[in-house]
């Protein structure tokens, strides 16, 4: 699918394509598959999507396209990225666009997200950038503190309480063996260390949602203590 989109956009041998470091692994592989070169850029910490400023810094005279990935149901900043593409004379090829329209499932997930946003403590709940839309295909929180050990301890403790949760993106693209770039992209690295996805399936009951919030809140103060 991603390969087809790139080919349809005219991306080919020798073309550079700017892709996000967090959640952009499949797109980076597709760029390589059509003969191009993925250039990895950092993300906006609020949306987890390609940061326009980082994308601008990654553009060279070989850049053919910007490839924003809409992640977890949050739209990338297509306005600023579109302006950037126009300024540099390159294309934009979008991936993972959320479904358009207010379905019953989307409405329920947004209601559940609003409930969790008002109840959860000890974790950083998702935010929605001004002018953006969020369908919450995944409800991704940050477990702040000392990095991955804190997030993973939180995950195991939640699972022990019967809460299904998972790490949505395990490794940023520039740390993958095929794409090691020898650069530091701090926002993508921090997201990979801190992020945890909680279930907000439309089939969940309010009671299940309340139990999940209670389980998270019971763990927050204990697991987020600074390391000695």
N, C-alpha and C. Protein backbone atom coordinates (compact mmCIF):
# COMPACT_ATOMS: atom_id res chain seq x y z
N UNK A 1 0.82 -1.21 0.00
CA UNK A 1 0.00 0.00 0.00
C UNK A 1 0.86 1.25 0.00
N UNK A 2 1.80 1.35 0.96
CA UNK A 2 2.67 2.53 1.02
C UNK A 2 3.53 2.64 -0.22
N UNK A 3 4.02 1.48 -0.71
CA UNK A 3 4.84 1.48 -1.91
C UNK A 3 4.05 2.01 -3.10
N UNK A 4 2.80 1.58 -3.22
CA UNK A 4 1.95 2.03 -4.31
C UNK A 4 1.73 3.53 -4.25
N UNK A 5 1.46 4.05 -3.05
CA UNK A 5 1.26 5.49 -2.90
C UNK A 5 2.48 6.28 -3.35
N UNK A 6 3.65 5.81 -2.99
CA UNK A 6 4.88 6.50 -3.37
C UNK A 6 5.10 6.44 -4.87
N UNK A 7 4.87 5.28 -5.45
CA UNK A 7 5.04 5.16 -6.91
C UNK A 7 4.04 6.05 -7.64
N UNK A 8 2.80 6.07 -7.15
CA UNK A 8 1.79 6.92 -7.78
C UNK A 8 2.15 8.40 -7.69
N UNK A 9 2.92 8.75 -6.64
CA UNK A 9 3.35 10.14 -6.48
C UNK A 9 4.62 10.45 -7.27
N UNK A 10 5.13 9.45 -7.98
CA UNK A 10 6.31 9.68 -8.81
C UNK A 10 7.63 9.54 -8.10
N UNK A 11 7.63 8.94 -6.91
CA UNK A 11 8.87 8.77 -6.15
C UNK A 11 9.62 7.58 -6.70
N UNK A 12 10.91 7.78 -6.96
CA UNK A 12 11.70 6.70 -7.55
C UNK A 12 13.16 6.77 -7.13
N UNK A 13 14.01 6.17 -7.94
CA UNK A 13 15.43 6.03 -7.62
C UNK A 13 16.08 7.38 -7.35
N UNK A 14 16.80 7.45 -6.23
CA UNK A 14 17.55 8.65 -5.90
C UNK A 14 16.77 9.73 -5.18
N UNK A 15 15.46 9.60 -5.10
CA UNK A 15 14.65 10.63 -4.45
C UNK A 15 14.74 10.50 -2.93
N UNK A 16 14.89 11.63 -2.27
CA UNK A 16 14.83 11.66 -0.81
C UNK A 16 13.40 11.97 -0.37
N UNK A 17 12.96 11.27 0.66
CA UNK A 17 11.62 11.48 1.22
C UNK A 17 11.77 11.65 2.73
N UNK A 18 11.23 12.75 3.25
CA UNK A 18 11.32 13.02 4.68
C UNK A 18 10.19 12.27 5.39
N UNK A 19 10.57 11.40 6.33
CA UNK A 19 9.59 10.59 7.06
C UNK A 19 9.77 10.80 8.56
N UNK A 20 8.72 10.61 9.35
CA UNK A 20 8.84 10.79 10.81
C UNK A 20 9.58 9.64 11.46
N UNK A 21 10.36 9.98 12.49
CA UNK A 21 11.14 8.97 13.20
C UNK A 21 10.28 8.06 14.05
N UNK A 22 9.10 8.53 14.45
CA UNK A 22 8.23 7.75 15.32
C UNK A 22 7.01 7.32 14.52
N UNK A 23 6.85 6.01 14.36
CA UNK A 23 5.70 5.49 13.62
C UNK A 23 5.86 5.51 12.12
N UNK A 24 7.06 5.81 11.62
CA UNK A 24 7.26 5.90 10.17
C UNK A 24 8.04 4.75 9.58
N UNK A 25 8.16 3.65 10.32
CA UNK A 25 8.98 2.53 9.84
C UNK A 25 8.50 1.93 8.53
N UNK A 26 7.20 1.70 8.42
CA UNK A 26 6.66 1.10 7.19
C UNK A 26 6.88 2.03 5.99
N UNK A 27 6.72 3.33 6.21
CA UNK A 27 6.91 4.29 5.12
C UNK A 27 8.38 4.33 4.71
N UNK A 28 9.29 4.32 5.69
CA UNK A 28 10.72 4.31 5.37
C UNK A 28 11.09 3.09 4.54
N UNK A 29 10.53 1.94 4.90
CA UNK A 29 10.79 0.72 4.13
C UNK A 29 10.24 0.84 2.71
N UNK A 30 9.08 1.46 2.56
CA UNK A 30 8.49 1.64 1.24
C UNK A 30 9.33 2.58 0.38
N UNK A 31 9.85 3.64 1.00
CA UNK A 31 10.73 4.56 0.26
C UNK A 31 11.94 3.80 -0.28
N UNK A 32 12.54 3.00 0.58
CA UNK A 32 13.68 2.18 0.15
C UNK A 32 13.28 1.22 -0.96
N UNK A 33 12.06 0.66 -0.86
CA UNK A 33 11.61 -0.32 -1.85
C UNK A 33 11.45 0.27 -3.25
N UNK A 34 11.11 1.56 -3.35
CA UNK A 34 10.95 2.18 -4.67
C UNK A 34 12.25 2.82 -5.16
N UNK A 35 13.34 2.60 -4.40
CA UNK A 35 14.63 3.10 -4.82
C UNK A 35 15.02 4.44 -4.25
N UNK A 36 14.16 4.98 -3.37
CA UNK A 36 14.44 6.28 -2.77
C UNK A 36 15.25 6.16 -1.49
N UNK A 37 15.48 7.30 -0.87
CA UNK A 37 16.24 7.35 0.39
C UNK A 37 15.40 8.03 1.45
N UNK A 38 15.02 7.31 2.51
CA UNK A 38 14.28 7.95 3.58
C UNK A 38 15.19 8.85 4.42
N UNK A 39 14.74 10.06 4.68
CA UNK A 39 15.45 10.99 5.56
C UNK A 39 14.59 11.14 6.81
N UNK A 40 15.14 10.77 7.95
CA UNK A 40 14.34 10.66 9.17
C UNK A 40 14.35 11.99 9.92
N UNK A 41 13.16 12.47 10.28
CA UNK A 41 13.03 13.74 11.00
C UNK A 41 12.24 13.53 12.28
N UNK A 42 12.39 14.45 13.21
CA UNK A 42 11.77 14.32 14.52
C UNK A 42 10.27 14.67 14.46
N UNK A 43 9.60 14.44 15.58
CA UNK A 43 8.15 14.61 15.66
C UNK A 43 7.77 15.76 16.58
N UNK A 44 6.53 16.18 16.45
CA UNK A 44 5.93 17.11 17.40
C UNK A 44 5.51 16.29 18.62
N UNK A 45 5.94 16.65 19.83
CA UNK A 45 5.64 15.82 21.00
C UNK A 45 4.17 15.77 21.37
N UNK A 46 3.37 16.73 20.88
CA UNK A 46 1.95 16.73 21.23
C UNK A 46 1.14 15.81 20.33
N UNK A 47 1.45 15.80 19.04
CA UNK A 47 0.67 15.00 18.10
C UNK A 47 1.32 13.67 17.76
N UNK A 48 2.62 13.51 18.04
CA UNK A 48 3.43 12.35 17.65
C UNK A 48 3.65 12.28 16.14
N UNK A 49 3.26 13.30 15.42
CA UNK A 49 3.38 13.32 13.96
C UNK A 49 4.59 14.16 13.54
N UNK A 50 4.93 14.09 12.27
CA UNK A 50 6.08 14.80 11.72
C UNK A 50 6.04 16.27 12.08
N UNK A 51 7.13 16.76 12.66
CA UNK A 51 7.23 18.16 13.07
C UNK A 51 7.63 19.01 11.86
N UNK A 52 6.83 20.00 11.49
CA UNK A 52 7.16 20.81 10.31
C UNK A 52 8.54 21.46 10.38
N UNK A 53 8.94 21.94 11.56
CA UNK A 53 10.26 22.57 11.68
C UNK A 53 11.37 21.56 11.44
N UNK A 54 11.21 20.36 11.99
CA UNK A 54 12.21 19.32 11.77
C UNK A 54 12.23 18.88 10.31
N UNK A 55 11.05 18.82 9.69
CA UNK A 55 10.98 18.46 8.27
C UNK A 55 11.70 19.50 7.42
N UNK A 56 11.51 20.77 7.74
CA UNK A 56 12.15 21.84 6.97
C UNK A 56 13.67 21.71 7.05
N UNK A 57 14.17 21.38 8.24
CA UNK A 57 15.61 21.24 8.42
C UNK A 57 16.18 20.04 7.68
N UNK A 58 15.32 19.06 7.35
CA UNK A 58 15.77 17.85 6.69
C UNK A 58 15.75 17.94 5.16
N UNK A 59 15.13 18.99 4.63
CA UNK A 59 15.01 19.13 3.17
C UNK A 59 16.36 19.48 2.55
N UNK A 60 16.69 18.81 1.44
CA UNK A 60 17.88 19.12 0.66
C UNK A 60 17.46 19.31 -0.80
N UNK A 61 18.44 19.55 -1.66
CA UNK A 61 18.10 19.70 -3.07
C UNK A 61 17.73 18.39 -3.73
N UNK A 62 17.85 17.28 -2.99
CA UNK A 62 17.44 15.97 -3.52
C UNK A 62 16.08 15.53 -2.98
N UNK A 63 15.48 16.34 -2.12
CA UNK A 63 14.19 15.97 -1.54
C UNK A 63 13.09 16.02 -2.59
N UNK A 64 12.32 14.94 -2.66
CA UNK A 64 11.20 14.87 -3.60
C UNK A 64 9.86 14.98 -2.90
N UNK A 65 9.80 14.61 -1.62
CA UNK A 65 8.50 14.59 -0.95
C UNK A 65 8.66 14.62 0.56
N UNK A 66 7.61 15.11 1.22
CA UNK A 66 7.42 14.97 2.65
C UNK A 66 6.36 13.89 2.86
N UNK A 67 6.57 13.03 3.85
CA UNK A 67 5.64 11.91 4.04
C UNK A 67 5.12 11.89 5.48
N UNK A 68 4.18 12.79 5.80
CA UNK A 68 3.59 12.76 7.15
C UNK A 68 2.76 11.50 7.37
N UNK A 69 2.82 10.99 8.59
CA UNK A 69 2.03 9.83 8.98
C UNK A 69 1.06 10.28 10.07
N UNK A 70 -0.24 10.17 9.80
CA UNK A 70 -1.26 10.47 10.80
C UNK A 70 -1.27 9.30 11.79
N UNK A 71 -1.05 9.60 13.07
CA UNK A 71 -0.77 8.52 14.01
C UNK A 71 -1.79 8.48 15.14
N UNK A 72 -2.23 7.28 15.46
CA UNK A 72 -3.16 7.02 16.58
C UNK A 72 -4.50 7.71 16.39
N UNK A 73 -4.81 8.15 15.17
CA UNK A 73 -6.05 8.87 14.92
C UNK A 73 -5.91 10.37 14.96
N UNK A 74 -4.69 10.87 15.26
CA UNK A 74 -4.44 12.32 15.27
C UNK A 74 -3.87 12.73 13.92
N UNK A 75 -4.44 13.77 13.33
CA UNK A 75 -3.95 14.22 12.03
C UNK A 75 -2.66 14.99 12.17
N UNK A 76 -1.77 14.81 11.20
CA UNK A 76 -0.54 15.60 11.15
C UNK A 76 -0.88 17.04 10.76
N UNK A 77 0.10 17.92 10.93
CA UNK A 77 -0.11 19.34 10.61
C UNK A 77 0.02 19.54 9.10
N UNK A 78 -1.02 19.13 8.38
CA UNK A 78 -0.96 19.17 6.93
C UNK A 78 -0.93 20.59 6.37
N UNK A 79 -1.45 21.55 7.12
CA UNK A 79 -1.42 22.93 6.65
C UNK A 79 0.01 23.43 6.57
N UNK A 80 0.73 23.34 7.68
CA UNK A 80 2.12 23.81 7.70
C UNK A 80 3.02 22.96 6.81
N UNK A 81 2.78 21.66 6.78
CA UNK A 81 3.59 20.79 5.93
C UNK A 81 3.31 21.07 4.45
N UNK A 82 2.04 21.37 4.14
CA UNK A 82 1.70 21.74 2.76
C UNK A 82 2.38 23.04 2.35
N UNK A 83 2.39 24.01 3.26
CA UNK A 83 3.07 25.28 2.97
C UNK A 83 4.57 25.06 2.77
N UNK A 84 5.13 24.19 3.59
CA UNK A 84 6.54 23.87 3.48
C UNK A 84 6.84 23.20 2.13
N UNK A 85 6.00 22.25 1.76
CA UNK A 85 6.19 21.56 0.48
C UNK A 85 6.11 22.54 -0.69
N UNK A 86 5.17 23.46 -0.62
CA UNK A 86 5.04 24.45 -1.68
C UNK A 86 6.27 25.36 -1.75
N UNK A 87 6.77 25.73 -0.57
CA UNK A 87 7.95 26.61 -0.53
C UNK A 87 9.16 25.95 -1.16
N UNK A 88 9.34 24.66 -0.91
CA UNK A 88 10.51 23.96 -1.42
C UNK A 88 10.25 23.27 -2.77
N UNK A 89 9.04 23.31 -3.24
CA UNK A 89 8.73 22.70 -4.53
C UNK A 89 8.77 21.18 -4.50
N UNK A 90 8.29 20.58 -3.38
CA UNK A 90 8.25 19.13 -3.27
C UNK A 90 6.81 18.68 -3.05
N UNK A 91 6.59 17.37 -3.09
CA UNK A 91 5.25 16.82 -2.89
C UNK A 91 5.01 16.49 -1.41
N UNK A 92 3.76 16.28 -1.09
CA UNK A 92 3.43 15.64 0.19
C UNK A 92 2.66 14.36 -0.12
N UNK A 93 3.05 13.29 0.57
CA UNK A 93 2.38 11.99 0.42
C UNK A 93 1.98 11.57 1.82
N UNK A 94 0.68 11.56 2.10
CA UNK A 94 0.18 11.30 3.45
C UNK A 94 -0.13 9.82 3.66
N UNK A 95 0.10 9.37 4.89
CA UNK A 95 -0.17 7.98 5.24
C UNK A 95 -0.98 7.90 6.52
N UNK A 96 -1.85 6.90 6.59
CA UNK A 96 -2.60 6.63 7.81
C UNK A 96 -3.65 7.66 8.14
N UNK A 97 -4.25 8.28 7.13
CA UNK A 97 -5.24 9.32 7.39
C UNK A 97 -6.44 8.74 8.14
N UNK A 98 -6.89 9.41 9.22
CA UNK A 98 -8.07 8.92 9.94
C UNK A 98 -9.31 8.96 9.06
N UNK A 99 -10.25 8.09 9.36
CA UNK A 99 -11.51 8.08 8.62
C UNK A 99 -12.23 9.41 8.78
N UNK A 100 -12.80 9.87 7.69
CA UNK A 100 -13.52 11.14 7.71
C UNK A 100 -14.95 10.90 8.16
N UNK A 101 -15.48 11.82 8.96
CA UNK A 101 -16.87 11.70 9.38
C UNK A 101 -16.98 11.23 10.82
N UNK A 102 -18.13 11.48 11.39
CA UNK A 102 -18.39 11.16 12.80
C UNK A 102 -19.23 9.90 12.87
N UNK A 103 -18.57 8.74 12.89
CA UNK A 103 -19.29 7.49 13.03
C UNK A 103 -19.66 7.27 14.50
N UNK A 104 -20.55 6.33 14.74
CA UNK A 104 -20.93 6.01 16.11
C UNK A 104 -19.73 5.52 16.90
N UNK A 105 -18.89 4.72 16.25
CA UNK A 105 -17.69 4.21 16.93
C UNK A 105 -16.74 5.34 17.30
N UNK A 106 -16.52 6.26 16.35
CA UNK A 106 -15.62 7.39 16.63
C UNK A 106 -16.18 8.26 17.74
N UNK A 107 -17.48 8.52 17.71
CA UNK A 107 -18.11 9.35 18.74
C UNK A 107 -17.94 8.71 20.12
N UNK A 108 -18.09 7.39 20.18
CA UNK A 108 -17.95 6.72 21.47
C UNK A 108 -16.51 6.77 21.95
N UNK A 109 -15.54 6.55 21.04
CA UNK A 109 -14.13 6.62 21.44
C UNK A 109 -13.77 8.02 21.93
N UNK A 110 -14.30 9.05 21.27
CA UNK A 110 -14.02 10.42 21.73
C UNK A 110 -14.63 10.67 23.11
N UNK A 111 -15.78 10.10 23.34
CA UNK A 111 -16.40 10.26 24.67
C UNK A 111 -15.58 9.55 25.73
N UNK A 112 -15.10 8.35 25.40
CA UNK A 112 -14.26 7.61 26.34
C UNK A 112 -12.94 8.35 26.58
N UNK A 113 -12.39 8.92 25.51
CA UNK A 113 -11.13 9.67 25.64
C UNK A 113 -11.33 10.88 26.54
N UNK A 114 -12.45 11.56 26.39
CA UNK A 114 -12.73 12.72 27.24
C UNK A 114 -12.86 12.29 28.71
N UNK A 115 -13.50 11.16 28.93
CA UNK A 115 -13.64 10.66 30.31
C UNK A 115 -12.27 10.36 30.91
N UNK A 116 -11.43 9.62 30.17
CA UNK A 116 -10.11 9.28 30.69
C UNK A 116 -9.26 10.53 30.89
N UNK A 117 -9.39 11.49 29.98
CA UNK A 117 -8.63 12.72 30.11
C UNK A 117 -8.96 13.48 31.38
N UNK A 118 -10.18 13.33 31.85
CA UNK A 118 -10.59 14.04 33.07
C UNK A 118 -10.32 13.24 34.34
N UNK A 119 -10.02 11.94 34.19
CA UNK A 119 -9.89 11.08 35.37
C UNK A 119 -8.47 10.59 35.63
N UNK A 120 -7.68 10.41 34.58
CA UNK A 120 -6.36 9.80 34.77
C UNK A 120 -5.40 10.76 35.46
N UNK A 121 -4.63 10.23 36.40
CA UNK A 121 -3.56 10.99 37.05
C UNK A 121 -2.29 10.15 36.97
N UNK A 122 -1.15 10.78 37.07
CA UNK A 122 0.11 10.04 37.05
C UNK A 122 0.61 9.70 35.67
N UNK A 123 -0.21 9.92 34.65
CA UNK A 123 0.23 9.77 33.25
C UNK A 123 -0.15 11.05 32.51
N UNK A 124 0.49 11.26 31.37
CA UNK A 124 0.17 12.41 30.53
C UNK A 124 -0.80 11.95 29.46
N UNK A 125 -2.00 12.50 29.47
CA UNK A 125 -3.05 12.06 28.54
C UNK A 125 -2.85 12.72 27.17
N UNK A 126 -3.45 12.16 26.11
CA UNK A 126 -3.28 12.74 24.77
C UNK A 126 -3.81 14.17 24.69
N UNK A 127 -3.17 14.95 23.85
CA UNK A 127 -3.64 16.30 23.57
C UNK A 127 -4.00 16.39 22.10
N UNK A 128 -4.81 17.36 21.75
CA UNK A 128 -5.21 17.56 20.36
C UNK A 128 -4.73 18.93 19.93
N UNK A 129 -3.91 18.98 18.90
CA UNK A 129 -3.38 20.25 18.42
C UNK A 129 -4.51 21.12 17.88
N UNK A 130 -4.33 22.43 17.99
CA UNK A 130 -5.34 23.37 17.51
C UNK A 130 -5.60 23.15 16.02
N UNK A 131 -6.87 23.03 15.67
CA UNK A 131 -7.24 22.84 14.28
C UNK A 131 -7.15 21.41 13.79
N UNK A 132 -6.70 20.49 14.65
CA UNK A 132 -6.55 19.09 14.25
C UNK A 132 -7.75 18.28 14.69
N UNK A 133 -7.86 17.09 14.12
CA UNK A 133 -8.91 16.15 14.50
C UNK A 133 -8.27 14.91 15.11
N UNK A 134 -8.98 14.26 16.02
CA UNK A 134 -8.47 13.04 16.65
C UNK A 134 -9.61 12.04 16.75
N UNK A 135 -9.39 10.85 16.17
CA UNK A 135 -10.40 9.80 16.23
C UNK A 135 -10.08 8.74 17.29
N UNK A 136 -8.90 8.86 17.91
CA UNK A 136 -8.50 7.94 18.98
C UNK A 136 -8.57 6.48 18.55
N UNK A 137 -8.00 6.20 17.38
CA UNK A 137 -7.88 4.80 16.99
C UNK A 137 -7.00 4.05 17.98
N UNK A 138 -6.10 4.79 18.65
CA UNK A 138 -5.38 4.29 19.81
C UNK A 138 -5.33 5.41 20.84
N UNK A 139 -5.55 5.06 22.10
CA UNK A 139 -5.50 6.06 23.17
C UNK A 139 -4.13 5.92 23.82
N UNK A 140 -3.23 6.84 23.49
CA UNK A 140 -1.82 6.72 23.86
C UNK A 140 -1.47 7.75 24.93
N UNK A 141 -1.06 7.26 26.08
CA UNK A 141 -0.61 8.12 27.17
C UNK A 141 0.90 8.05 27.26
N UNK A 142 1.46 9.02 27.99
CA UNK A 142 2.88 8.97 28.31
C UNK A 142 3.03 8.63 29.79
N UNK A 143 3.95 7.72 30.07
CA UNK A 143 4.32 7.43 31.45
C UNK A 143 5.66 8.13 31.69
N UNK A 144 5.63 9.32 32.28
CA UNK A 144 6.86 10.09 32.42
C UNK A 144 7.73 9.57 33.54
N UNK A 145 8.91 10.10 33.65
CA UNK A 145 9.81 9.67 34.72
C UNK A 145 11.20 9.45 34.20
N UNK A 146 11.66 8.23 34.31
CA UNK A 146 13.05 7.94 33.96
C UNK A 146 13.18 7.12 32.68
N UNK A 147 12.21 7.20 31.79
CA UNK A 147 12.32 6.51 30.52
C UNK A 147 11.67 5.14 30.53
N UNK A 148 12.13 4.30 29.62
CA UNK A 148 11.47 3.03 29.33
C UNK A 148 11.25 2.13 30.54
N UNK A 149 12.20 1.99 31.48
CA UNK A 149 11.90 1.10 32.62
C UNK A 149 10.63 1.48 33.37
N UNK A 150 10.37 2.78 33.53
CA UNK A 150 9.14 3.20 34.20
C UNK A 150 7.91 2.80 33.40
N UNK A 151 7.93 3.06 32.09
CA UNK A 151 6.79 2.72 31.23
C UNK A 151 6.54 1.22 31.23
N UNK A 152 7.61 0.44 31.12
CA UNK A 152 7.44 -1.01 31.06
C UNK A 152 6.97 -1.57 32.40
N UNK A 153 7.45 -1.00 33.51
CA UNK A 153 6.96 -1.43 34.82
C UNK A 153 5.48 -1.12 34.96
N UNK A 154 5.07 0.04 34.48
CA UNK A 154 3.67 0.44 34.52
C UNK A 154 2.83 -0.52 33.68
N UNK A 155 3.33 -0.86 32.50
CA UNK A 155 2.61 -1.79 31.62
C UNK A 155 2.41 -3.15 32.28
N UNK A 156 3.48 -3.70 32.85
CA UNK A 156 3.37 -5.03 33.47
C UNK A 156 2.43 -5.00 34.67
N UNK A 157 2.48 -3.91 35.43
CA UNK A 157 1.60 -3.82 36.59
C UNK A 157 0.13 -3.70 36.17
N UNK A 158 -0.12 -2.95 35.11
CA UNK A 158 -1.50 -2.85 34.61
C UNK A 158 -2.00 -4.18 34.10
N UNK A 159 -1.16 -4.88 33.37
CA UNK A 159 -1.58 -6.20 32.86
C UNK A 159 -1.87 -7.16 34.00
N UNK A 160 -1.10 -7.05 35.06
CA UNK A 160 -1.35 -7.91 36.23
C UNK A 160 -2.71 -7.62 36.85
N UNK A 161 -3.20 -6.39 36.64
CA UNK A 161 -4.52 -6.01 37.13
C UNK A 161 -5.63 -6.30 36.11
N UNK A 162 -5.27 -6.97 35.00
CA UNK A 162 -6.26 -7.34 34.00
C UNK A 162 -6.54 -6.28 32.96
N UNK A 163 -5.69 -5.24 32.87
CA UNK A 163 -5.89 -4.18 31.88
C UNK A 163 -5.04 -4.49 30.65
N UNK A 164 -5.69 -4.63 29.52
CA UNK A 164 -4.97 -4.86 28.27
C UNK A 164 -4.32 -3.55 27.82
N UNK A 165 -3.00 -3.55 27.66
CA UNK A 165 -2.29 -2.35 27.22
C UNK A 165 -1.06 -2.80 26.43
N UNK A 166 -0.50 -1.90 25.65
CA UNK A 166 0.60 -2.29 24.78
C UNK A 166 1.44 -1.06 24.43
N UNK A 167 2.68 -1.33 24.00
CA UNK A 167 3.57 -0.27 23.53
C UNK A 167 3.27 -0.05 22.05
N UNK A 168 2.80 1.14 21.66
CA UNK A 168 2.35 1.33 20.28
C UNK A 168 3.46 1.38 19.24
N UNK A 169 4.60 1.95 19.60
CA UNK A 169 5.76 2.01 18.70
C UNK A 169 6.97 1.64 19.55
N UNK A 170 7.61 0.54 19.23
CA UNK A 170 8.65 0.02 20.11
C UNK A 170 10.01 0.65 19.88
N UNK A 171 10.25 1.12 18.65
CA UNK A 171 11.58 1.67 18.36
C UNK A 171 11.45 2.75 17.30
N UNK A 172 12.12 3.89 17.46
CA UNK A 172 12.09 4.91 16.42
C UNK A 172 12.85 4.46 15.18
N UNK A 173 12.49 5.00 14.05
CA UNK A 173 13.04 4.53 12.78
C UNK A 173 14.56 4.66 12.75
N UNK A 174 15.10 5.75 13.26
CA UNK A 174 16.55 5.96 13.16
C UNK A 174 17.35 5.04 14.07
N UNK A 175 16.67 4.23 14.89
CA UNK A 175 17.35 3.21 15.69
C UNK A 175 17.21 1.82 15.07
N UNK A 176 16.41 1.69 14.02
CA UNK A 176 16.25 0.39 13.36
C UNK A 176 17.53 0.04 12.60
N UNK A 177 17.91 -1.25 12.59
CA UNK A 177 19.18 -1.63 11.95
C UNK A 177 19.31 -1.15 10.51
N UNK A 178 18.23 -1.18 9.74
CA UNK A 178 18.31 -0.80 8.33
C UNK A 178 18.37 0.71 8.10
N UNK A 179 18.08 1.49 9.14
CA UNK A 179 17.98 2.94 8.94
C UNK A 179 18.80 3.74 9.96
N UNK A 180 19.76 3.12 10.59
CA UNK A 180 20.55 3.83 11.59
C UNK A 180 21.17 5.07 10.98
N UNK A 181 20.90 6.22 11.58
CA UNK A 181 21.33 7.49 10.99
C UNK A 181 22.41 8.18 11.80
N UNK A 182 22.72 7.68 12.99
CA UNK A 182 23.75 8.29 13.81
C UNK A 182 23.39 9.69 14.28
N UNK A 183 22.09 9.94 14.44
CA UNK A 183 21.63 11.25 14.90
C UNK A 183 20.77 11.06 16.15
N UNK A 184 20.59 12.14 16.89
CA UNK A 184 19.68 12.15 18.02
C UNK A 184 18.41 12.88 17.62
N UNK A 185 17.30 12.22 17.77
CA UNK A 185 16.00 12.83 17.53
C UNK A 185 15.23 12.70 18.85
N UNK A 186 15.39 13.67 19.73
CA UNK A 186 14.98 13.48 21.13
C UNK A 186 13.50 13.26 21.35
N UNK A 187 12.65 13.92 20.57
CA UNK A 187 11.21 13.75 20.81
C UNK A 187 10.74 12.35 20.43
N UNK A 188 11.24 11.84 19.32
CA UNK A 188 10.88 10.48 18.91
C UNK A 188 11.42 9.46 19.90
N UNK A 189 12.62 9.67 20.39
CA UNK A 189 13.21 8.75 21.35
C UNK A 189 12.45 8.77 22.67
N UNK A 190 12.06 9.96 23.10
CA UNK A 190 11.30 10.07 24.36
C UNK A 190 9.93 9.41 24.22
N UNK A 191 9.29 9.60 23.06
CA UNK A 191 7.99 8.96 22.83
C UNK A 191 8.11 7.44 22.85
N UNK A 192 9.16 6.91 22.24
CA UNK A 192 9.35 5.46 22.22
C UNK A 192 9.57 4.91 23.63
N UNK A 193 10.18 5.71 24.51
CA UNK A 193 10.44 5.28 25.88
C UNK A 193 9.21 5.41 26.79
N UNK A 194 8.35 6.39 26.51
CA UNK A 194 7.30 6.75 27.47
C UNK A 194 5.89 6.31 27.09
N UNK A 195 5.63 6.03 25.82
CA UNK A 195 4.24 5.87 25.38
C UNK A 195 3.67 4.49 25.66
N UNK A 196 2.40 4.48 26.04
CA UNK A 196 1.67 3.25 26.31
C UNK A 196 0.24 3.44 25.82
N UNK A 197 -0.27 2.46 25.08
CA UNK A 197 -1.64 2.53 24.57
C UNK A 197 -2.60 1.79 25.49
N UNK A 198 -3.71 2.47 25.79
CA UNK A 198 -4.77 1.88 26.62
C UNK A 198 -5.98 1.61 25.74
N UNK A 199 -6.74 0.57 26.03
CA UNK A 199 -7.89 0.25 25.18
C UNK A 199 -9.07 1.19 25.41
N UNK A 200 -9.65 1.69 24.34
CA UNK A 200 -10.94 2.40 24.43
C UNK A 200 -11.84 1.91 23.30
N UNK A 201 -11.94 0.60 23.18
CA UNK A 201 -12.81 0.02 22.16
C UNK A 201 -14.24 0.48 22.35
N UNK A 202 -14.92 0.67 21.25
CA UNK A 202 -16.32 1.11 21.32
C UNK A 202 -17.19 0.11 22.05
N UNK A 203 -16.75 -1.16 22.13
CA UNK A 203 -17.53 -2.20 22.80
C UNK A 203 -17.36 -2.19 24.32
N UNK A 204 -16.42 -1.39 24.84
CA UNK A 204 -16.19 -1.35 26.28
C UNK A 204 -17.39 -0.73 27.00
N UNK A 205 -17.59 -1.18 28.21
CA UNK A 205 -18.65 -0.60 29.04
C UNK A 205 -18.06 0.53 29.89
N UNK A 206 -18.94 1.37 30.41
CA UNK A 206 -18.48 2.44 31.28
C UNK A 206 -17.80 1.87 32.52
N UNK A 207 -18.30 0.77 33.00
CA UNK A 207 -17.70 0.14 34.18
C UNK A 207 -16.27 -0.32 33.89
N UNK A 208 -16.05 -0.89 32.73
CA UNK A 208 -14.69 -1.31 32.35
C UNK A 208 -13.76 -0.11 32.26
N UNK A 209 -14.28 0.98 31.73
CA UNK A 209 -13.49 2.20 31.61
C UNK A 209 -13.12 2.74 33.00
N UNK A 210 -14.08 2.73 33.90
CA UNK A 210 -13.82 3.19 35.27
C UNK A 210 -12.78 2.32 35.96
N UNK A 211 -12.86 1.01 35.77
CA UNK A 211 -11.90 0.10 36.39
C UNK A 211 -10.50 0.36 35.85
N UNK A 212 -10.40 0.61 34.55
CA UNK A 212 -9.09 0.88 33.96
C UNK A 212 -8.50 2.18 34.53
N UNK A 213 -9.32 3.22 34.63
CA UNK A 213 -8.84 4.49 35.19
C UNK A 213 -8.39 4.30 36.63
N UNK A 214 -9.15 3.55 37.40
CA UNK A 214 -8.79 3.30 38.80
C UNK A 214 -7.48 2.53 38.91
N UNK A 215 -7.30 1.53 38.03
CA UNK A 215 -6.07 0.75 38.05
C UNK A 215 -4.86 1.62 37.71
N UNK A 216 -4.99 2.48 36.73
CA UNK A 216 -3.90 3.39 36.35
C UNK A 216 -3.57 4.34 37.49
N UNK A 217 -4.60 4.93 38.07
CA UNK A 217 -4.38 5.92 39.11
C UNK A 217 -3.77 5.30 40.37
N UNK A 218 -4.11 4.05 40.64
CA UNK A 218 -3.55 3.38 41.81
C UNK A 218 -2.06 3.13 41.66
N UNK A 219 -1.59 3.05 40.42
CA UNK A 219 -0.17 2.77 40.18
C UNK A 219 0.68 4.02 40.03
N UNK A 220 0.08 5.13 39.61
CA UNK A 220 0.84 6.30 39.21
C UNK A 220 1.85 6.78 40.21
N UNK A 221 1.42 7.04 41.45
CA UNK A 221 2.32 7.60 42.44
C UNK A 221 3.46 6.67 42.80
N UNK A 222 3.21 5.36 42.77
CA UNK A 222 4.23 4.39 43.14
C UNK A 222 5.31 4.26 42.08
N UNK A 223 4.88 4.14 40.82
CA UNK A 223 5.83 3.83 39.77
C UNK A 223 6.55 5.04 39.21
N UNK A 224 6.06 6.23 39.50
CA UNK A 224 6.66 7.42 38.92
C UNK A 224 7.65 8.11 39.87
N UNK A 225 7.97 7.44 40.98
CA UNK A 225 8.98 8.01 41.89
C UNK A 225 10.33 8.04 41.17
N UNK A 226 11.11 9.12 41.31
CA UNK A 226 12.43 9.17 40.68
C UNK A 226 13.33 8.05 41.18
N UNK A 227 14.19 7.58 40.29
CA UNK A 227 15.13 6.55 40.68
C UNK A 227 16.18 7.11 41.64
N UNK A 228 16.64 6.30 42.57
CA UNK A 228 17.65 6.76 43.53
C UNK A 228 19.02 6.75 42.85
